[in-house]
Amino acid sequence: MTDASARLWEPSMSQGWAPRRDPPTVTGTLAVQMFGRFRAFWCGREVVLESRAARAVLSLVTLRPRPWVRDAITAEIWPDAGYGPSARLRQALWLVRKGLARSGADPAKVLDADDDTICLRPDILVQSDVARFDELLRSRPPSLEAALGLYGGDFAEDLGLECLAARREHLSDLYEDALASVAQARLAAGDLLSAQEAAIALLERDPLREEAHAVLIEVYGRIGSRSQVDRQYRRLTAVLATELDAVPLAETRVSYLIALARARARSVDVAVVLAKESGLAGRGYGSVTVS
């Protein structure tokens, strides 16, 4: 296991997700990472799966606790194959068992697979970054920063399973909403750089998120950059007109005007300080005009 993957399993408040000790009745813990590239760990040791199909099989049986009919799981992974016996599924299952065995697990104690169905055995403790992400967002108050730390990429993005597309979109929406809330919270706390990072990350995913543009406008106003304030507002105006045939909200327009005024005032303050430091103020240049 690499240093990075090892850190994933250390208890960490910033990470927000770490495996818990197994209760006495539990055979072992299967932990899966499904944000970004799929990874699985058995009792802390990585389960190396040598094909996308093997990763898809393990992800599907992890996500749904009840048994999968073999024909159904085949149809999800290979939609063009139809129903009936599948040599490809048998090969994928063999690779899953191989990966589990190499990680120190007894495959027969992890997977329950017969001629008709496939599932995980009930005495296996399953943990996932997706479940932890959901827990953090549902907590009161929500632990948004910790949730963002878990999102290493879109859900199951490397598996190519159409059956997971709706869940991927839902989790993506939750992530973007969390980004928006975090950007605004960081701005309110005066952490301008981190607020800017969150707002930019959100706009890279969805350029139509007006609240992210508004955060950037206010950030640039506070740091005194009139050109960036104006540029960001023009970007917002252009994308809304092109994509939605709409104009910015009234409150965004007000924020823009306030940011411009704040940037101008900051520029004046800086100019006065520079004039004093250079000695101009003492020679009759105490009044500085900034256009």
Protein backbone atom coordinates (compact mmCIF):
# COMPACT_ATOMS: atom_id res chain seq x y z
CA MET A 1 0.00 0.00 0.00
CA THR A 2 1.33 3.45 -0.85
CA ASP A 3 1.81 6.16 1.79
CA ALA A 4 -1.19 8.02 0.36
CA SER A 5 -3.50 5.01 0.56
CA ALA A 6 -2.25 4.20 4.06
CA ARG A 7 -3.17 7.71 5.22
CA LEU A 8 -6.67 7.14 3.88
CA TRP A 9 -7.19 4.58 6.63
CA GLU A 10 -5.73 6.52 9.53
CA PRO A 11 -8.33 8.16 11.81
CA SER A 12 -8.43 11.77 10.65
CA MET A 13 -10.80 14.58 11.48
CA SER A 14 -9.95 16.33 8.22
CA GLN A 15 -10.49 13.20 6.16
CA GLY A 16 -13.73 12.41 7.96
CA TRP A 17 -13.58 8.71 7.18
CA ALA A 18 -11.63 5.88 8.71
CA PRO A 19 -12.51 2.22 9.36
CA ARG A 20 -13.88 1.27 12.74
CA ARG A 21 -12.76 -1.72 14.76
CA ASP A 22 -14.57 -4.92 13.87
CA PRO A 23 -17.17 -6.12 16.41
CA PRO A 24 -16.54 -9.69 17.67
CA THR A 25 -19.29 -11.09 15.42
CA VAL A 26 -17.78 -9.60 12.25
CA THR A 27 -15.50 -11.70 10.05
CA GLY A 28 -13.71 -8.66 8.68
CA THR A 29 -14.12 -5.22 7.14
CA LEU A 30 -14.44 -4.53 3.44
CA ALA A 31 -13.89 -0.83 2.87
CA VAL A 32 -14.42 0.68 -0.56
CA GLN A 33 -13.50 4.00 -2.10
CA MET A 34 -15.93 4.92 -4.88
CA PHE A 35 -15.27 8.61 -5.37
CA GLY A 36 -12.91 8.78 -8.31
CA ARG A 37 -11.00 5.57 -9.00
CA PHE A 38 -12.55 2.51 -7.38
CA ARG A 39 -10.41 0.93 -4.66
CA ALA A 40 -11.16 -1.75 -2.07
CA PHE A 41 -9.45 -2.75 1.17
CA TRP A 42 -9.82 -5.87 3.27
CA CYS A 43 -8.98 -5.19 6.93
CA GLY A 44 -6.74 -2.31 5.80
CA ARG A 45 -4.92 -4.18 3.01
CA GLU A 46 -5.67 -3.16 -0.56
CA VAL A 47 -7.58 -5.61 -2.75
CA VAL A 48 -5.94 -5.33 -6.15
CA LEU A 49 -8.43 -6.10 -8.92
CA GLU A 50 -6.94 -6.65 -12.34
CA SER A 51 -9.88 -5.67 -14.57
CA ARG A 52 -12.67 -3.11 -14.77
CA ALA A 53 -15.21 -5.94 -14.78
CA ALA A 54 -13.88 -7.29 -11.46
CA ARG A 55 -14.07 -3.81 -9.93
CA ALA A 56 -17.62 -3.45 -11.28
CA VAL A 57 -18.72 -6.77 -9.75
CA LEU A 58 -17.34 -5.89 -6.33
CA SER A 59 -18.80 -2.39 -6.45
CA LEU A 60 -22.30 -3.64 -7.29
CA VAL A 61 -22.41 -6.29 -4.57
CA THR A 62 -21.06 -3.72 -2.11
CA LEU A 63 -23.69 -1.12 -2.98
CA ARG A 64 -26.65 -3.50 -2.71
CA PRO A 65 -26.77 -5.84 0.31
CA ARG A 66 -29.38 -8.21 -1.10
CA PRO A 67 -28.30 -10.91 -3.58
CA TRP A 68 -27.83 -10.14 -7.24
CA VAL A 69 -29.18 -12.62 -9.78
CA ARG A 70 -26.25 -13.53 -12.01
CA ASP A 71 -28.15 -12.65 -15.18
CA ALA A 72 -28.99 -9.20 -13.78
CA ILE A 73 -25.43 -8.36 -12.79
CA THR A 74 -24.22 -9.54 -16.20
CA ALA A 75 -26.73 -7.25 -17.92
CA GLU A 76 -25.58 -4.26 -15.85
CA ILE A 77 -21.88 -4.72 -16.62
CA TRP A 78 -22.24 -5.95 -20.22
CA PRO A 79 -25.56 -4.53 -21.54
CA ASP A 80 -24.94 -5.96 -24.99
CA ALA A 81 -24.56 -9.51 -23.66
CA GLY A 82 -28.21 -10.07 -22.79
CA TYR A 83 -29.23 -12.75 -20.30
CA GLY A 84 -27.88 -16.25 -19.87
CA PRO A 85 -24.60 -17.86 -18.74
CA SER A 86 -21.65 -15.52 -18.98
CA ALA A 87 -18.04 -16.60 -19.20
CA ARG A 88 -17.10 -12.97 -18.67
CA LEU A 89 -18.86 -12.89 -15.29
CA ARG A 90 -17.14 -16.10 -14.22
CA GLN A 91 -13.78 -14.59 -15.20
CA ALA A 92 -14.56 -11.37 -13.30
CA LEU A 93 -15.56 -13.36 -10.19
CA TRP A 94 -12.34 -15.34 -10.40
CA LEU A 95 -10.36 -12.09 -10.44
CA VAL A 96 -12.33 -10.77 -7.44
CA ARG A 97 -11.53 -13.94 -5.49
CA LYS A 98 -7.89 -13.70 -6.55
CA GLY A 99 -7.66 -10.09 -5.35
CA LEU A 100 -9.31 -10.94 -2.03
CA ALA A 101 -6.98 -13.88 -1.44
CA ARG A 102 -3.91 -11.74 -2.14
CA SER A 103 -5.12 -9.21 0.45
CA GLY A 104 -5.29 -11.94 3.10
CA ALA A 105 -9.01 -12.69 2.93
CA ASP A 106 -10.68 -16.06 2.50
CA PRO A 107 -12.85 -15.38 -0.58
CA ALA A 108 -15.42 -17.94 0.55
CA LYS A 109 -15.93 -15.96 3.76
CA VAL A 110 -16.42 -12.69 1.87
CA LEU A 111 -18.42 -13.62 -1.22
CA ASP A 112 -21.52 -15.80 -1.26
CA ALA A 113 -21.80 -16.94 -4.88
CA ASP A 114 -23.79 -19.90 -6.16
CA ASP A 115 -25.12 -20.88 -9.57
CA ASP A 116 -27.88 -18.26 -9.43
CA THR A 117 -26.91 -15.36 -7.17
CA ILE A 118 -23.96 -13.30 -5.90
CA CYS A 119 -23.71 -11.21 -2.73
CA LEU A 120 -21.49 -10.40 0.22
CA ARG A 121 -21.81 -12.57 3.28
CA PRO A 122 -23.91 -10.94 6.04
CA ASP A 123 -21.14 -11.06 8.68
CA ILE A 124 -18.94 -8.75 6.59
CA LEU A 125 -18.74 -5.15 7.78
CA VAL A 126 -18.92 -2.83 4.76
CA GLN A 127 -17.66 0.75 4.93
CA SER A 128 -17.48 3.26 2.10
CA ASP A 129 -16.48 6.84 1.48
CA VAL A 130 -19.87 7.40 -0.17
CA ALA A 131 -21.77 6.32 2.95
CA ARG A 132 -19.52 8.49 5.12
CA PHE A 133 -20.01 11.44 2.74
CA ASP A 134 -23.77 11.07 3.13
CA GLU A 135 -23.47 10.84 6.93
CA LEU A 136 -21.40 14.02 7.11
CA LEU A 137 -23.91 15.96 5.01
CA ARG A 138 -26.86 14.68 7.05
CA SER A 139 -25.29 15.50 10.42
CA ARG A 140 -26.60 18.55 12.28
CA PRO A 141 -24.91 20.82 11.61
CA PRO A 142 -23.51 19.34 8.39
CA SER A 143 -19.75 18.68 8.36
CA LEU A 144 -19.23 20.25 4.97
CA GLU A 145 -15.47 20.65 5.04
CA ALA A 146 -14.96 16.99 5.98
CA ALA A 147 -17.41 15.89 3.28
CA LEU A 148 -15.51 17.84 0.64
CA GLY A 149 -12.32 16.11 1.76
CA LEU A 150 -13.81 12.74 0.84
CA TYR A 151 -14.82 13.69 -2.70
CA GLY A 152 -11.83 12.55 -4.75
CA GLY A 153 -13.70 12.54 -8.04
CA ASP A 154 -17.16 11.73 -9.35
CA PHE A 155 -18.81 8.56 -8.05
CA ALA A 156 -17.68 5.37 -9.81
CA GLU A 157 -16.32 7.43 -12.69
CA ASP A 158 -13.95 4.69 -13.85
CA LEU A 159 -16.46 1.82 -13.88
CA GLY A 160 -18.61 2.87 -16.83
CA LEU A 161 -21.82 1.45 -15.33
CA GLU A 162 -24.95 3.10 -16.70
CA CYS A 163 -26.96 1.84 -13.72
CA LEU A 164 -24.96 4.15 -11.45
CA ALA A 165 -25.41 7.29 -13.58
CA ALA A 166 -28.40 8.66 -11.61
CA ARG A 167 -26.61 8.19 -8.28
CA ARG A 168 -23.46 9.78 -9.72
CA GLU A 169 -25.44 12.86 -10.76
CA HIS A 170 -27.15 13.08 -7.36
CA LEU A 171 -23.84 12.89 -5.47
CA SER A 172 -22.32 15.43 -7.85
CA ASP A 173 -25.18 17.84 -7.06
CA LEU A 174 -24.63 17.35 -3.32
CA TYR A 175 -20.91 18.02 -3.75
CA GLU A 176 -21.52 21.20 -5.71
CA ASP A 177 -24.05 22.46 -3.15
CA ALA A 178 -21.50 21.77 -0.41
CA LEU A 179 -18.84 23.67 -2.36
CA ALA A 180 -21.18 26.65 -2.65
CA SER A 181 -21.94 26.64 1.08
CA VAL A 182 -18.28 26.23 2.02
CA ALA A 183 -17.22 29.08 -0.27
CA GLN A 184 -19.72 31.40 1.39
CA ALA A 185 -18.78 30.25 4.91
CA ARG A 186 -15.09 30.79 4.24
CA LEU A 187 -15.83 34.25 2.86
CA ALA A 188 -17.87 35.14 5.94
CA ALA A 189 -14.94 33.98 8.11
CA GLY A 190 -12.55 36.21 6.18
CA ASP A 191 -10.60 33.34 4.62
CA LEU A 192 -10.47 34.92 1.18
CA LEU A 193 -8.00 32.55 -0.47
CA SER A 194 -9.88 29.41 0.55
CA ALA A 195 -13.21 30.99 -0.41
CA GLN A 196 -11.76 31.79 -3.82
CA GLU A 197 -10.51 28.20 -4.24
CA ALA A 198 -13.92 26.73 -3.44
CA ALA A 199 -15.75 29.14 -5.75
CA ILE A 200 -13.37 28.45 -8.63
CA ALA A 201 -13.71 24.68 -8.10
CA LEU A 202 -17.50 25.04 -8.29
CA LEU A 203 -17.40 27.15 -11.46
CA GLU A 204 -15.10 24.63 -13.14
CA ARG A 205 -17.90 22.09 -12.68
CA ASP A 206 -20.83 24.41 -13.38
CA PRO A 207 -20.18 27.90 -14.82
CA LEU A 208 -23.83 28.83 -14.19
CA ARG A 209 -23.58 28.79 -10.38
CA GLU A 210 -24.23 32.47 -9.74
CA GLU A 211 -23.45 32.25 -6.03
CA ALA A 212 -19.88 31.20 -6.86
CA HIS A 213 -19.47 34.22 -9.16
CA ALA A 214 -20.81 36.41 -6.35
CA VAL A 215 -18.23 35.01 -3.91
CA LEU A 216 -15.41 35.75 -6.34
CA ILE A 217 -16.73 39.27 -6.96
CA GLU A 218 -16.72 39.96 -3.22
CA VAL A 219 -13.28 38.41 -2.76
CA TYR A 220 -11.81 40.61 -5.48
CA GLY A 221 -13.53 43.64 -3.97
CA ARG A 222 -12.00 42.95 -0.58
CA ILE A 223 -8.49 42.57 -1.98
CA GLY A 224 -8.91 45.79 -3.95
CA SER A 225 -8.84 44.53 -7.55
CA ARG A 226 -11.33 46.59 -9.53
CA SER A 227 -10.35 44.93 -12.80
CA GLN A 228 -11.04 41.44 -11.42
CA VAL A 229 -14.36 42.55 -9.92
CA ASP A 230 -15.44 43.93 -13.26
CA ARG A 231 -14.11 40.97 -15.23
CA GLN A 232 -15.89 38.43 -13.02
CA TYR A 233 -19.19 40.25 -13.30
CA ARG A 234 -18.87 40.43 -17.09
CA ARG A 235 -18.16 36.69 -17.18
CA LEU A 236 -21.30 36.02 -15.18
CA THR A 237 -23.38 38.32 -17.38
CA ALA A 238 -22.09 36.66 -20.55
CA VAL A 239 -22.65 33.06 -19.44
CA LEU A 240 -26.18 33.79 -18.17
CA ALA A 241 -27.10 35.57 -21.40
CA THR A 242 -25.67 32.81 -23.59
CA GLU A 243 -26.93 29.78 -21.69
CA LEU A 244 -30.15 30.97 -20.06
CA ASP A 245 -31.06 34.24 -21.80
CA ALA A 246 -31.07 35.78 -18.31
CA VAL A 247 -29.38 38.54 -16.33
CA PRO A 248 -27.73 38.42 -12.89
CA LEU A 249 -29.97 38.60 -9.83
CA ALA A 250 -30.54 42.01 -8.27
CA GLU A 251 -28.59 41.03 -5.16
CA THR A 252 -25.61 40.00 -7.30
CA ARG A 253 -25.72 43.39 -9.03
CA VAL A 254 -25.72 45.08 -5.62
CA SER A 255 -22.78 42.92 -4.49
CA TYR A 256 -20.93 43.91 -7.66
CA LEU A 257 -21.44 47.65 -7.03
CA ILE A 258 -20.39 47.29 -3.39
CA ALA A 259 -17.29 45.32 -4.44
CA LEU A 260 -16.36 48.02 -6.95
CA ALA A 261 -16.73 50.73 -4.31
CA ARG A 262 -14.71 48.70 -1.82
CA ALA A 263 -11.96 48.08 -4.36
CA ARG A 264 -11.80 51.81 -5.21
CA ALA A 265 -11.62 52.72 -1.51
CA ARG A 266 -8.86 50.19 -0.93
CA SER A 267 -6.93 51.60 -3.89
CA VAL A 268 -7.20 55.09 -2.40
CA ASP A 269 -5.99 53.84 0.99
CA VAL A 270 -3.02 52.10 -0.60
CA ALA A 271 -2.16 55.19 -2.66
CA VAL A 272 -2.23 57.39 0.45
CA VAL A 273 0.05 55.01 2.34
CA LEU A 274 2.49 54.87 -0.57
CA ALA A 275 2.48 58.65 -0.84
CA LYS A 276 3.26 59.02 2.86
CA GLU A 277 6.02 56.43 2.69
CA SER A 278 7.60 58.15 -0.28
CA GLY A 279 7.49 61.54 1.47
CA LEU A 280 5.15 63.12 -1.08
CA ALA A 281 2.55 63.91 1.55
CA GLY A 282 5.01 66.03 3.47
CA ARG A 283 5.72 68.10 0.36
CA GLY A 284 2.18 69.12 -0.36
CA TYR A 285 0.90 65.83 -1.80
CA GLY A 286 -1.30 64.85 1.12
CA SER A 287 -4.38 64.63 -1.13
CA VAL A 288 -4.18 61.68 -3.51
CA THR A 289 -6.72 61.23 -6.29
CA VAL A 290 -7.27 57.76 -7.69
CA SER A 291 -9.48 57.34 -10.73
